[in-house]
Amino acid sequence: MAVLMGGLSLHGIPVGPWLMKEHMEIVWVVVFGLAAGTILSSLVGLLAARWLARLSAVPMGLIVPAIVIFVLAGSFAVRQNFWDLLVTIASGIFGYFLTRHGFSLLPLTIGFLLGNEAEVAFIQSLHISEGSPLIFFTSPLSLALFLGAIAVGVYPLVRSRLSKGSAQ
């Protein structure tokens, strides 16, 4: 949606409620395009399902190097910067370390995707409180969320220590 809005704005077409009033033909093109794309991708998916299912029989020794090459090529292609390759490799090593020690990668992925918005909200909160970090501890809701986040982060460590202690 953001790409569509950006493309419309680049061509001087106003986005928002005016789009429906002034450029209804574009709205219908988008609606029919999405419908046609959904139908076409469903047909291709149904027709190719037999061959796509065979991908699960391919040995991991062949799939993993291909995935690594595509990931590295994609991370370099975004900005043509070798530093991005190092960040990608370091992130992969960090993710491997986390999964080896029982941590889930889902919260890390969500944090990575929502990190910019969280940073903006954090800075806005500090502006509201005139730079005082106590704003995060004065409200019962924010204090409960903060303590819950700490508990979720510490729980796997406590669980692994308790399981090691009970095994001995």
Protein backbone atom coordinates (compact mmCIF):
# COMPACT_ATOMS: atom_id res chain seq x y z
CA MET A 1 0.00 0.00 0.00
CA ALA A 2 2.85 2.37 0.80
CA VAL A 3 4.46 1.69 -2.58
CA LEU A 4 1.14 2.28 -4.32
CA MET A 5 0.61 5.54 -2.43
CA GLY A 6 4.16 6.63 -3.25
CA GLY A 7 3.69 5.84 -6.94
CA LEU A 8 0.41 7.73 -7.08
CA SER A 9 1.96 10.72 -5.31
CA LEU A 10 4.89 10.75 -7.75
CA HIS A 11 2.43 11.04 -10.62
CA GLY A 12 0.60 13.92 -8.96
CA ILE A 13 -2.48 11.91 -8.04
CA PRO A 14 -3.75 12.83 -4.57
CA VAL A 15 -4.11 9.92 -2.15
CA GLY A 16 -6.83 9.84 0.46
CA PRO A 17 -10.55 10.46 0.14
CA TRP A 18 -9.99 12.61 -2.97
CA LEU A 19 -8.72 9.58 -4.88
CA MET A 20 -12.20 8.03 -4.81
CA LYS A 21 -13.85 11.28 -5.92
CA GLU A 22 -11.48 12.50 -8.61
CA HIS A 23 -9.81 9.35 -9.98
CA MET A 24 -12.30 6.50 -9.68
CA GLU A 25 -10.87 4.83 -12.79
CA ILE A 26 -7.56 4.26 -10.95
CA VAL A 27 -9.38 2.76 -7.98
CA TRP A 28 -11.16 0.27 -10.26
CA VAL A 29 -7.92 -0.62 -12.02
CA VAL A 30 -6.31 -1.39 -8.66
CA VAL A 31 -9.32 -3.43 -7.49
CA PHE A 32 -9.52 -5.48 -10.70
CA GLY A 33 -5.73 -5.84 -10.78
CA LEU A 34 -5.70 -7.27 -7.26
CA ALA A 35 -8.56 -9.63 -8.08
CA ALA A 36 -6.89 -10.81 -11.29
CA GLY A 37 -3.57 -11.25 -9.51
CA THR A 38 -5.20 -13.31 -6.78
CA ILE A 39 -6.97 -15.56 -9.28
CA LEU A 40 -3.86 -15.98 -11.41
CA SER A 41 -1.58 -16.76 -8.47
CA SER A 42 -4.13 -19.28 -7.16
CA LEU A 43 -4.24 -21.04 -10.53
CA VAL A 44 -0.46 -21.12 -10.80
CA GLY A 45 -0.21 -22.41 -7.23
CA LEU A 46 -2.71 -25.19 -7.89
CA LEU A 47 -1.09 -26.19 -11.16
CA ALA A 48 2.44 -26.14 -9.74
CA ALA A 49 1.59 -27.76 -6.38
CA ARG A 50 2.83 -31.20 -7.44
CA TRP A 51 6.27 -29.87 -8.41
CA LEU A 52 6.49 -27.47 -5.49
CA ALA A 53 5.82 -30.36 -3.09
CA ARG A 54 8.90 -32.11 -4.46
CA LEU A 55 11.05 -29.29 -3.10
CA SER A 56 10.62 -30.78 0.37
CA ALA A 57 12.58 -33.85 -0.80
CA VAL A 58 15.62 -31.80 -1.83
CA PRO A 59 18.53 -32.37 0.61
CA MET A 60 19.24 -29.51 3.00
CA GLY A 61 22.86 -29.56 1.86
CA LEU A 62 21.69 -28.15 -1.46
CA ILE A 63 19.05 -25.74 -0.15
CA VAL A 64 21.06 -23.99 2.57
CA PRO A 65 23.92 -22.75 0.34
CA ALA A 66 21.40 -21.42 -2.17
CA ILE A 67 19.49 -19.60 0.57
CA VAL A 68 22.71 -18.13 1.97
CA ILE A 69 23.73 -16.87 -1.48
CA PHE A 70 20.31 -15.28 -2.07
CA VAL A 71 20.28 -13.66 1.38
CA LEU A 72 23.76 -12.21 0.95
CA ALA A 73 23.01 -11.02 -2.58
CA GLY A 74 19.78 -9.40 -1.39
CA SER A 75 21.42 -7.65 1.54
CA PHE A 76 24.13 -6.29 -0.74
CA ALA A 77 21.69 -5.27 -3.48
CA VAL A 78 19.72 -2.91 -1.26
CA ARG A 79 22.50 -0.32 -0.85
CA GLN A 80 25.55 -1.88 -2.58
CA ASN A 81 27.38 -1.70 0.75
CA PHE A 82 29.74 -4.38 2.08
CA TRP A 83 28.94 -3.34 5.64
CA ASP A 84 25.42 -4.69 5.07
CA LEU A 85 26.98 -8.08 4.29
CA LEU A 86 28.84 -8.04 7.60
CA VAL A 87 25.67 -7.08 9.46
CA THR A 88 23.80 -9.91 7.74
CA ILE A 89 26.47 -12.46 8.65
CA ALA A 90 26.66 -11.19 12.25
CA SER A 91 22.87 -11.34 12.53
CA GLY A 92 22.89 -14.91 11.25
CA ILE A 93 25.54 -15.94 13.78
CA PHE A 94 23.62 -14.19 16.56
CA GLY A 95 20.38 -15.93 15.50
CA TYR A 96 22.15 -19.30 15.44
CA PHE A 97 23.51 -18.63 18.94
CA LEU A 98 20.03 -17.75 20.20
CA THR A 99 18.38 -20.86 18.76
CA ARG A 100 21.20 -23.05 20.13
CA HIS A 101 20.48 -21.72 23.61
CA GLY A 102 16.71 -22.12 23.47
CA PHE A 103 15.61 -18.60 22.59
CA SER A 104 12.88 -18.00 20.03
CA LEU A 105 13.72 -15.87 17.01
CA LEU A 106 10.16 -14.58 16.62
CA PRO A 107 10.47 -11.80 19.24
CA LEU A 108 13.78 -10.75 17.72
CA THR A 109 12.21 -10.57 14.28
CA ILE A 110 9.25 -8.56 15.56
CA GLY A 111 11.62 -6.23 17.39
CA PHE A 112 13.69 -5.79 14.25
CA LEU A 113 10.64 -4.96 12.16
CA LEU A 114 9.07 -2.59 14.72
CA GLY A 115 12.33 -1.12 16.02
CA ASN A 116 12.11 2.18 14.14
CA GLU A 117 8.56 2.86 15.32
CA ALA A 118 9.48 1.96 18.89
CA GLU A 119 12.46 4.30 18.77
CA VAL A 120 10.29 7.18 17.55
CA ALA A 121 7.73 6.49 20.30
CA PHE A 122 10.54 6.34 22.88
CA ILE A 123 11.92 9.70 21.78
CA GLN A 124 8.43 11.21 21.78
CA SER A 125 7.88 9.94 25.33
CA LEU A 126 11.14 11.51 26.47
CA HIS A 127 10.12 14.80 24.85
CA ILE A 128 6.79 14.70 26.66
CA SER A 129 8.54 14.10 29.99
CA GLU A 130 11.22 16.71 29.22
CA GLY A 131 13.95 14.06 29.18
CA SER A 132 13.00 12.20 32.35
CA PRO A 133 13.01 8.40 31.97
CA LEU A 134 10.69 8.14 34.98
CA ILE A 135 7.75 8.46 32.59
CA PHE A 136 8.15 4.75 31.88
CA PHE A 137 7.71 3.79 35.55
CA THR A 138 5.07 6.20 36.85
CA SER A 139 2.08 4.65 35.06
CA PRO A 140 0.98 1.23 36.34
CA LEU A 141 0.45 0.00 32.78
CA SER A 142 3.91 1.00 31.57
CA LEU A 143 5.49 -0.46 34.71
CA ALA A 144 3.61 -3.75 34.20
CA LEU A 145 4.71 -3.89 30.53
CA PHE A 146 8.32 -3.19 31.52
CA LEU A 147 8.33 -5.89 34.19
CA GLY A 148 6.61 -8.30 31.81
CA ALA A 149 9.27 -7.69 29.16
CA ILE A 150 12.01 -8.39 31.71
CA ALA A 151 10.23 -11.57 32.86
CA VAL A 152 9.88 -12.83 29.28
CA GLY A 153 13.58 -12.19 28.68
CA VAL A 154 14.76 -13.85 31.89
CA TYR A 155 12.36 -16.84 31.84
CA PRO A 156 14.38 -19.04 29.42
CA LEU A 157 17.53 -18.54 31.53
CA VAL A 158 15.74 -19.41 34.76
CA ARG A 159 14.04 -22.41 33.14
CA SER A 160 17.33 -23.79 31.81
CA ARG A 161 19.05 -23.36 35.18
CA LEU A 162 16.18 -25.05 36.99
CA SER A 163 16.19 -27.97 34.56
CA LYS A 164 19.97 -28.36 34.94
CA GLY A 165 19.66 -28.19 38.74
CA SER A 166 16.90 -30.81 38.89
CA ALA A 167 18.83 -33.16 36.56
CA GLN A 168 21.78 -33.33 38.97
